[in-house]
Amino acid sequence: FNMRCKTCGEYIYKGKKFNARKETVQNEVYLG
């Protein structure tokens, strides 16, 4: 989604590619 950085105010548009770290949230599950 479109977002704006709180630190510098940079707009990050939907579809911008990133290298991200992904983790599974512990103790949070929705319908399995």
All heavy atoms as atom14 arrays in JSON, in Angstrom:
{
  "sequence": "FNMRCKTCGEYIYKGKKFNARKETVQNEVYLG",
  "atom14_mask": [
    [1, 1, 1, 1, 1, 1, 1, 1, 1, 1, 1, 0, 0, 0],
    [1, 1, 1, 1, 1, 1, 1, 1, 0, 0, 0, 0, 0, 0],
    [1, 1, 1, 1, 1, 1, 1, 1, 0, 0, 0, 0, 0, 0],
    [1, 1, 1, 1, 1, 1, 1, 1, 1, 1, 1, 0, 0, 0],
    [1, 1, 1, 1, 1, 1, 0, 0, 0, 0, 0, 0, 0, 0],
    [1, 1, 1, 1, 1, 1, 1, 1, 1, 0, 0, 0, 0, 0],
    [1, 1, 1, 1, 1, 1, 1, 0, 0, 0, 0, 0, 0, 0],
    [1, 1, 1, 1, 1, 1, 0, 0, 0, 0, 0, 0, 0, 0],
    [1, 1, 1, 1, 0, 0, 0, 0, 0, 0, 0, 0, 0, 0],
    [1, 1, 1, 1, 1, 1, 1, 1, 1, 0, 0, 0, 0, 0],
    [1, 1, 1, 1, 1, 1, 1, 1, 1, 1, 1, 1, 0, 0],
    [1, 1, 1, 1, 1, 1, 1, 1, 0, 0, 0, 0, 0, 0],
    [1, 1, 1, 1, 1, 1, 1, 1, 1, 1, 1, 1, 0, 0],
    [1, 1, 1, 1, 1, 1, 1, 1, 1, 0, 0, 0, 0, 0],
    [1, 1, 1, 1, 0, 0, 0, 0, 0, 0, 0, 0, 0, 0],
    [1, 1, 1, 1, 1, 1, 1, 1, 1, 0, 0, 0, 0, 0],
    [1, 1, 1, 1, 1, 1, 1, 1, 1, 0, 0, 0, 0, 0],
    [1, 1, 1, 1, 1, 1, 1, 1, 1, 1, 1, 0, 0, 0],
    [1, 1, 1, 1, 1, 1, 1, 1, 0, 0, 0, 0, 0, 0],
    [1, 1, 1, 1, 1, 0, 0, 0, 0, 0, 0, 0, 0, 0],
    [1, 1, 1, 1, 1, 1, 1, 1, 1, 1, 1, 0, 0, 0],
    [1, 1, 1, 1, 1, 1, 1, 1, 1, 0, 0, 0, 0, 0],
    [1, 1, 1, 1, 1, 1, 1, 1, 1, 0, 0, 0, 0, 0],
    [1, 1, 1, 1, 1, 1, 1, 0, 0, 0, 0, 0, 0, 0],
    [1, 1, 1, 1, 1, 1, 1, 0, 0, 0, 0, 0, 0, 0],
    [1, 1, 1, 1, 1, 1, 1, 1, 1, 0, 0, 0, 0, 0],
    [1, 1, 1, 1, 1, 1, 1, 1, 0, 0, 0, 0, 0, 0],
    [1, 1, 1, 1, 1, 1, 1, 1, 1, 0, 0, 0, 0, 0],
    [1, 1, 1, 1, 1, 1, 1, 0, 0, 0, 0, 0, 0, 0],
    [1, 1, 1, 1, 1, 1, 1, 1, 1, 1, 1, 1, 0, 0],
    [1, 1, 1, 1, 1, 1, 1, 1, 0, 0, 0, 0, 0, 0],
    [1, 1, 1, 1, 0, 0, 0, 0, 0, 0, 0, 0, 0, 0]
  ],
  "atom14_positions": [
    [[0.85, -1.19, 0.0], [0.0, 0.0, 0.0], [0.88, 1.23, 0.0], [2.09, 1.15, 0.25], [-0.95, 0.01, 1.21], [-0.28, -0.34, 2.51], [0.5, 0.57, 3.19], [-0.44, -1.61, 3.05], [1.11, 0.24, 4.39], [0.15, -1.95, 4.25], [0.94, -1.02, 4.91], [0.0, 0.0, 0.0], [0.0, 0.0, 0.0], [0.0, 0.0, 0.0]],
    [[0.3, 2.39, -0.27], [1.04, 3.65, -0.22], [1.26, 4.01, 1.23], [0.37, 3.91, 2.06], [0.25, 4.77, -0.9], [0.05, 4.52, -2.36], [0.88, 3.91, -3.02], [-1.07, 4.99, -2.9], [0.0, 0.0, 0.0], [0.0, 0.0, 0.0], [0.0, 0.0, 0.0], [0.0, 0.0, 0.0], [0.0, 0.0, 0.0], [0.0, 0.0, 0.0]],
    [[2.48, 4.45, 1.54], [2.79, 4.84, 2.91], [3.77, 6.0, 2.9], [4.37, 6.31, 1.88], [3.34, 3.65, 3.7], [4.55, 2.99, 3.13], [4.99, 1.52, 4.06], [4.94, 0.29, 2.79], [0.0, 0.0, 0.0], [0.0, 0.0, 0.0], [0.0, 0.0, 0.0], [0.0, 0.0, 0.0], [0.0, 0.0, 0.0], [0.0, 0.0, 0.0]],
    [[3.9, 6.62, 4.06], [4.82, 7.75, 4.22], [5.65, 7.52, 5.46], [5.13, 7.27, 6.54], [4.03, 9.04, 4.34], [4.9, 10.25, 4.35], [4.08, 11.51, 4.3], [4.98, 12.64, 4.26], [4.6, 13.88, 4.31], [3.32, 14.16, 4.41], [5.47, 14.86, 4.27], [0.0, 0.0, 0.0], [0.0, 0.0, 0.0], [0.0, 0.0, 0.0]],
    [[6.97, 7.61, 5.3], [7.9, 7.38, 6.41], [7.7, 8.46, 7.49], [7.6, 9.64, 7.18], [9.33, 7.41, 5.87], [10.59, 7.2, 7.15], [0.0, 0.0, 0.0], [0.0, 0.0, 0.0], [0.0, 0.0, 0.0], [0.0, 0.0, 0.0], [0.0, 0.0, 0.0], [0.0, 0.0, 0.0], [0.0, 0.0, 0.0], [0.0, 0.0, 0.0]],
    [[7.64, 8.03, 8.74], [7.46, 8.99, 9.84], [8.74, 9.76, 10.13], [8.7, 10.86, 10.65], [7.03, 8.26, 11.12], [5.6, 7.8, 11.1], [5.23, 7.16, 12.42], [3.81, 6.67, 12.44], [3.48, 5.98, 13.68], [0.0, 0.0, 0.0], [0.0, 0.0, 0.0], [0.0, 0.0, 0.0], [0.0, 0.0, 0.0], [0.0, 0.0, 0.0]],
    [[9.9, 9.19, 9.81], [11.17, 9.83, 10.12], [11.5, 10.96, 9.16], [11.78, 12.08, 9.57], [12.31, 8.78, 10.09], [11.91, 7.66, 10.86], [13.59, 9.35, 10.64], [0.0, 0.0, 0.0], [0.0, 0.0, 0.0], [0.0, 0.0, 0.0], [0.0, 0.0, 0.0], [0.0, 0.0, 0.0], [0.0, 0.0, 0.0], [0.0, 0.0, 0.0]],
    [[11.46, 10.67, 7.85], [11.89, 11.67, 6.87], [10.76, 12.19, 5.99], [10.96, 13.16, 5.26], [12.99, 11.08, 5.98], [12.45, 9.71, 4.95], [0.0, 0.0, 0.0], [0.0, 0.0, 0.0], [0.0, 0.0, 0.0], [0.0, 0.0, 0.0], [0.0, 0.0, 0.0], [0.0, 0.0, 0.0], [0.0, 0.0, 0.0], [0.0, 0.0, 0.0]],
    [[9.58, 11.56, 6.02], [8.46, 12.03, 5.21], [8.48, 11.53, 3.78], [7.71, 12.0, 2.95], [0.0, 0.0, 0.0], [0.0, 0.0, 0.0], [0.0, 0.0, 0.0], [0.0, 0.0, 0.0], [0.0, 0.0, 0.0], [0.0, 0.0, 0.0], [0.0, 0.0, 0.0], [0.0, 0.0, 0.0], [0.0, 0.0, 0.0], [0.0, 0.0, 0.0]],
    [[9.36, 10.59, 3.46], [9.45, 10.03, 2.11], [8.19, 9.23, 1.79], [7.72, 8.43, 2.61], [10.68, 9.12, 2.02], [10.83, 8.39, 0.72], [11.39, 9.25, -0.39], [11.72, 10.43, -0.14], [11.49, 8.75, -1.51], [0.0, 0.0, 0.0], [0.0, 0.0, 0.0], [0.0, 0.0, 0.0], [0.0, 0.0, 0.0], [0.0, 0.0, 0.0]],
    [[7.63, 9.44, 0.6], [6.49, 8.65, 0.16], [6.99, 7.34, -0.44], [7.9, 7.33, -1.26], [5.67, 9.4, -0.9], [4.81, 10.48, -0.31], [5.22, 11.8, -0.36], [3.6, 10.19, 0.3], [4.44, 12.81, 0.18], [2.82, 11.17, 0.84], [3.24, 12.48, 0.78], [2.47, 13.47, 1.31], [0.0, 0.0, 0.0], [0.0, 0.0, 0.0]],
    [[6.4, 6.24, -0.02], [6.71, 4.93, -0.57], [5.43, 4.45, -1.23], [4.41, 4.27, -0.56], [7.18, 3.96, 0.53], [8.43, 4.51, 1.2], [7.42, 2.58, -0.04], [8.85, 3.78, 2.45], [0.0, 0.0, 0.0], [0.0, 0.0, 0.0], [0.0, 0.0, 0.0], [0.0, 0.0, 0.0], [0.0, 0.0, 0.0], [0.0, 0.0, 0.0]],
    [[5.49, 4.27, -2.54], [4.29, 3.96, -3.29], [4.05, 2.47, -3.39], [4.97, 1.67, -3.3], [4.38, 4.58, -4.69], [4.43, 6.07, -4.63], [5.62, 6.76, -4.75], [3.28, 6.79, -4.38], [5.67, 8.14, -4.67], [3.3, 8.17, -4.29], [4.51, 8.83, -4.44], [4.53, 10.19, -4.34], [0.0, 0.0, 0.0], [0.0, 0.0, 0.0]],
    [[2.8, 2.1, -3.57], [2.41, 0.71, -3.71], [3.13, 0.11, -4.91], [3.16, 0.71, -5.98], [0.89, 0.63, -3.92], [0.35, -0.77, -4.06], [-1.15, -0.74, -4.23], [-1.71, -2.13, -4.33], [-3.15, -2.13, -4.4], [0.0, 0.0, 0.0], [0.0, 0.0, 0.0], [0.0, 0.0, 0.0], [0.0, 0.0, 0.0], [0.0, 0.0, 0.0]],
    [[3.74, -1.05, -4.71], [4.43, -1.71, -5.8], [5.93, -1.48, -5.8], [6.64, -2.07, -6.59], [0.0, 0.0, 0.0], [0.0, 0.0, 0.0], [0.0, 0.0, 0.0], [0.0, 0.0, 0.0], [0.0, 0.0, 0.0], [0.0, 0.0, 0.0], [0.0, 0.0, 0.0], [0.0, 0.0, 0.0], [0.0, 0.0, 0.0], [0.0, 0.0, 0.0]],
    [[6.44, -0.62, -4.9], [7.9, -0.41, -4.8], [8.51, -1.68, -4.24], [8.03, -2.24, -3.27], [8.17, 0.77, -3.87], [9.63, 1.02, -3.61], [10.12, 2.19, -4.41], [11.54, 2.54, -4.04], [12.49, 1.87, -4.87], [0.0, 0.0, 0.0], [0.0, 0.0, 0.0], [0.0, 0.0, 0.0], [0.0, 0.0, 0.0], [0.0, 0.0, 0.0]],
    [[9.6, -2.14, -4.86], [10.21, -3.41, -4.45], [11.22, -3.21, -3.32], [11.97, -2.25, -3.32], [10.88, -4.08, -5.63], [9.9, -4.57, -6.66], [10.61, -5.3, -7.77], [9.6, -5.8, -8.79], [10.26, -6.44, -9.91], [0.0, 0.0, 0.0], [0.0, 0.0, 0.0], [0.0, 0.0, 0.0], [0.0, 0.0, 0.0], [0.0, 0.0, 0.0]],
    [[11.21, -4.15, -2.39], [12.11, -4.11, -1.25], [12.67, -5.5, -0.98], [12.01, -6.5, -1.23], [11.35, -3.68, 0.02], [10.95, -2.25, 0.05], [9.68, -1.87, -0.36], [11.82, -1.27, 0.47], [9.3, -0.55, -0.34], [11.44, 0.05, 0.5], [10.18, 0.41, 0.08], [0.0, 0.0, 0.0], [0.0, 0.0, 0.0], [0.0, 0.0, 0.0]],
    [[13.87, -5.54, -0.41], [14.37, -6.75, 0.21], [13.92, -6.65, 1.66], [14.3, -5.72, 2.36], [15.89, -6.83, 0.13], [16.37, -7.1, -1.27], [15.72, -7.81, -2.01], [17.49, -6.51, -1.64], [0.0, 0.0, 0.0], [0.0, 0.0, 0.0], [0.0, 0.0, 0.0], [0.0, 0.0, 0.0], [0.0, 0.0, 0.0], [0.0, 0.0, 0.0]],
    [[13.12, -7.57, 2.1], [12.54, -7.48, 3.44], [12.89, -8.72, 4.25], [13.21, -9.78, 3.69], [11.03, -7.35, 3.34], [0.0, 0.0, 0.0], [0.0, 0.0, 0.0], [0.0, 0.0, 0.0], [0.0, 0.0, 0.0], [0.0, 0.0, 0.0], [0.0, 0.0, 0.0], [0.0, 0.0, 0.0], [0.0, 0.0, 0.0], [0.0, 0.0, 0.0]],
    [[12.83, -8.54, 5.56], [12.94, -9.71, 6.45], [11.52, -10.11, 6.81], [10.68, -9.28, 7.11], [13.72, -9.33, 7.71], [15.17, -9.06, 7.44], [15.87, -8.71, 8.73], [14.92, -8.05, 9.6], [15.2, -7.08, 10.44], [16.39, -6.66, 10.58], [14.27, -6.52, 11.18], [0.0, 0.0, 0.0], [0.0, 0.0, 0.0], [0.0, 0.0, 0.0]],
    [[11.29, -11.42, 6.78], [9.94, -11.95, 7.07], [10.05, -12.89, 8.25], [10.96, -13.71, 8.32], [9.43, -12.71, 5.84], [8.12, -13.42, 6.06], [7.77, -14.23, 4.84], [7.74, -15.67, 5.22], [7.32, -16.58, 4.19], [0.0, 0.0, 0.0], [0.0, 0.0, 0.0], [0.0, 0.0, 0.0], [0.0, 0.0, 0.0], [0.0, 0.0, 0.0]],
    [[9.11, -12.74, 9.18], [9.06, -13.66, 10.31], [7.61, -14.01, 10.59], [6.69, -13.26, 10.24], [9.71, -13.05, 11.55], [8.92, -11.93, 12.19], [9.56, -11.39, 13.44], [10.72, -11.72, 13.72], [8.88, -10.62, 14.15], [0.0, 0.0, 0.0], [0.0, 0.0, 0.0], [0.0, 0.0, 0.0], [0.0, 0.0, 0.0], [0.0, 0.0, 0.0]],
    [[7.4, -15.17, 11.2], [6.07, -15.57, 11.61], [5.8, -14.95, 12.98], [6.61, -15.08, 13.89], [5.97, -17.1, 11.7], [6.38, -17.65, 10.46], [4.55, -17.54, 12.0], [0.0, 0.0, 0.0], [0.0, 0.0, 0.0], [0.0, 0.0, 0.0], [0.0, 0.0, 0.0], [0.0, 0.0, 0.0], [0.0, 0.0, 0.0], [0.0, 0.0, 0.0]],
    [[4.66, -14.29, 13.12], [4.31, -13.65, 14.39], [3.9, -14.75, 15.38], [3.05, -15.58, 15.08], [3.17, -12.64, 14.2], [2.8, -11.99, 15.51], [3.57, -11.59, 13.18], [0.0, 0.0, 0.0], [0.0, 0.0, 0.0], [0.0, 0.0, 0.0], [0.0, 0.0, 0.0], [0.0, 0.0, 0.0], [0.0, 0.0, 0.0], [0.0, 0.0, 0.0]],
    [[4.54, -14.76, 16.54], [4.25, -15.78, 17.55], [2.91, -15.49, 18.22], [2.55, -14.34, 18.46], [5.36, -15.8, 18.61], [6.72, -16.17, 18.06], [6.75, -17.57, 17.46], [6.21, -18.5, 18.03], [7.36, -17.69, 16.29], [0.0, 0.0, 0.0], [0.0, 0.0, 0.0], [0.0, 0.0, 0.0], [0.0, 0.0, 0.0], [0.0, 0.0, 0.0]],
    [[2.17, -16.53, 18.53], [0.89, -16.46, 19.25], [-0.19, -15.66, 18.52], [-1.09, -15.13, 19.15], [1.09, -15.88, 20.67], [2.09, -16.68, 21.46], [2.17, -17.9, 21.33], [2.89, -16.0, 22.25], [0.0, 0.0, 0.0], [0.0, 0.0, 0.0], [0.0, 0.0, 0.0], [0.0, 0.0, 0.0], [0.0, 0.0, 0.0], [0.0, 0.0, 0.0]],
    [[-0.06, -15.53, 17.19], [-1.12, -14.87, 16.42], [-1.43, -15.74, 15.22], [-0.59, -15.96, 14.36], [-0.68, -13.48, 15.95], [-0.8, -12.42, 17.02], [-0.64, -11.03, 16.45], [-1.31, -10.71, 15.43], [0.15, -10.26, 17.01], [0.0, 0.0, 0.0], [0.0, 0.0, 0.0], [0.0, 0.0, 0.0], [0.0, 0.0, 0.0], [0.0, 0.0, 0.0]],
    [[-2.67, -16.23, 15.18], [-3.12, -17.07, 14.08], [-4.56, -16.69, 13.79], [-5.33, -16.38, 14.7], [-3.03, -18.57, 14.46], [-3.57, -19.45, 13.36], [-1.61, -18.97, 14.79], [0.0, 0.0, 0.0], [0.0, 0.0, 0.0], [0.0, 0.0, 0.0], [0.0, 0.0, 0.0], [0.0, 0.0, 0.0], [0.0, 0.0, 0.0], [0.0, 0.0, 0.0]],
    [[-4.95, -16.69, 12.51], [-6.33, -16.43, 12.15], [-6.84, -17.63, 11.37], [-6.38, -17.89, 10.26], [-6.44, -15.15, 11.31], [-7.83, -14.9, 10.81], [-8.83, -14.46, 11.67], [-8.17, -15.15, 9.49], [-10.11, -14.25, 11.21], [-9.45, -14.95, 9.02], [-10.42, -14.49, 9.89], [-11.69, -14.3, 9.44], [0.0, 0.0, 0.0], [0.0, 0.0, 0.0]],
    [[-7.79, -18.36, 11.95], [-8.38, -19.55, 11.35], [-7.31, -20.53, 10.84], [-7.42, -21.08, 9.75], [-9.31, -19.18, 10.19], [-10.52, -18.3, 10.53], [-11.28, -17.94, 9.27], [-11.43, -19.0, 11.52], [0.0, 0.0, 0.0], [0.0, 0.0, 0.0], [0.0, 0.0, 0.0], [0.0, 0.0, 0.0], [0.0, 0.0, 0.0], [0.0, 0.0, 0.0]],
    [[-6.27, -20.69, 11.62], [-5.21, -21.64, 11.27], [-4.17, -21.06, 10.33], [-3.2, -21.74, 10.01], [0.0, 0.0, 0.0], [0.0, 0.0, 0.0], [0.0, 0.0, 0.0], [0.0, 0.0, 0.0], [0.0, 0.0, 0.0], [0.0, 0.0, 0.0], [0.0, 0.0, 0.0], [0.0, 0.0, 0.0], [0.0, 0.0, 0.0], [0.0, 0.0, 0.0]]
  ]
}
